């Protein structure tokens, strides 16, 4: 199953949120228009995903180490 646009946006934001905003919370609200809780729920579901690993291997490995 391929990643949805929203899932790719979450991974993109996780990779580079600091470029868009001084705080991660503000970046989540500004870029995705959702609550941090909703953002982290999507991120948690993506972490073990092979599709996420193919989309951004470096980020996914970093998230898996956490």
Protein backbone atom coordinates (compact mmCIF):
# COMPACT_ATOMS: atom_id res chain seq x y z
CA UNK A 1 0.00 0.00 0.00
CA UNK A 2 1.40 3.39 -0.97
CA UNK A 3 1.52 6.35 1.37
CA UNK A 4 -1.29 8.86 1.19
CA UNK A 5 -0.61 12.52 0.55
CA UNK A 6 -1.29 13.26 4.23
CA UNK A 7 1.17 10.59 5.36
CA UNK A 8 3.87 12.02 3.09
CA UNK A 9 3.13 15.51 4.45
CA UNK A 10 3.58 14.22 8.01
CA UNK A 11 6.93 12.63 7.14
CA UNK A 12 8.05 15.76 5.29
CA UNK A 13 7.17 17.93 8.25
CA UNK A 14 8.96 15.60 10.67
CA UNK A 15 12.07 15.80 8.52
CA UNK A 16 12.18 19.61 8.19
CA UNK A 17 9.76 21.31 10.60
CA UNK A 18 12.49 23.59 11.96
CA UNK A 19 12.79 25.32 8.57
CA UNK A 20 9.22 26.60 8.67
CA UNK A 21 8.59 27.57 12.25
CA UNK A 22 10.33 28.25 15.56
CA UNK A 23 8.34 25.47 17.28
CA UNK A 24 7.19 22.08 16.10
CA UNK A 25 3.68 22.69 17.43
CA UNK A 26 3.35 25.85 15.32
CA UNK A 27 4.69 24.02 12.26
CA UNK A 28 2.11 21.25 12.73
CA UNK A 29 -0.74 23.73 13.04
CA UNK A 30 0.45 25.96 10.18
CA UNK A 31 1.47 23.32 7.66
CA UNK A 32 -1.01 20.53 8.36
CA UNK A 33 -3.86 22.28 10.12
CA UNK A 34 -4.23 19.55 12.71
CA UNK A 35 -3.52 19.12 16.38
CA UNK A 36 -0.16 17.82 17.56
CA UNK A 37 -1.97 14.76 18.98
CA UNK A 38 -3.39 13.90 15.54
CA UNK A 39 0.02 14.46 13.95
CA UNK A 40 1.78 12.14 16.41
CA UNK A 41 -0.93 9.50 15.97
CA UNK A 42 -0.25 9.41 12.21
CA UNK A 43 3.50 9.43 12.82
CA UNK A 44 3.27 6.49 15.26
CA UNK A 45 1.31 4.45 12.71
CA UNK A 46 3.88 5.24 10.01
CA UNK A 47 6.98 4.32 12.00
CA UNK A 48 6.86 0.55 11.42
CA UNK A 49 5.70 1.01 7.80
CA UNK A 50 7.80 -0.35 4.93
CA UNK A 51 6.21 2.29 2.66
CA UNK A 52 7.55 5.02 4.94
CA UNK A 53 10.96 3.36 4.90
CA UNK A 54 10.97 3.44 1.09
CA UNK A 55 9.76 7.06 1.02
CA UNK A 56 12.43 8.42 3.38
CA UNK A 57 14.88 5.79 4.63
CA UNK A 58 17.01 8.13 6.76
CA UNK A 59 14.08 9.67 8.58
CA UNK A 60 12.36 6.35 9.09
CA UNK A 61 15.47 4.77 10.59
CA UNK A 62 15.86 7.73 12.93
CA UNK A 63 12.23 7.41 14.03
CA UNK A 64 12.59 3.69 14.59
CA UNK A 65 15.60 4.24 16.86
CA UNK A 66 13.49 6.48 19.10
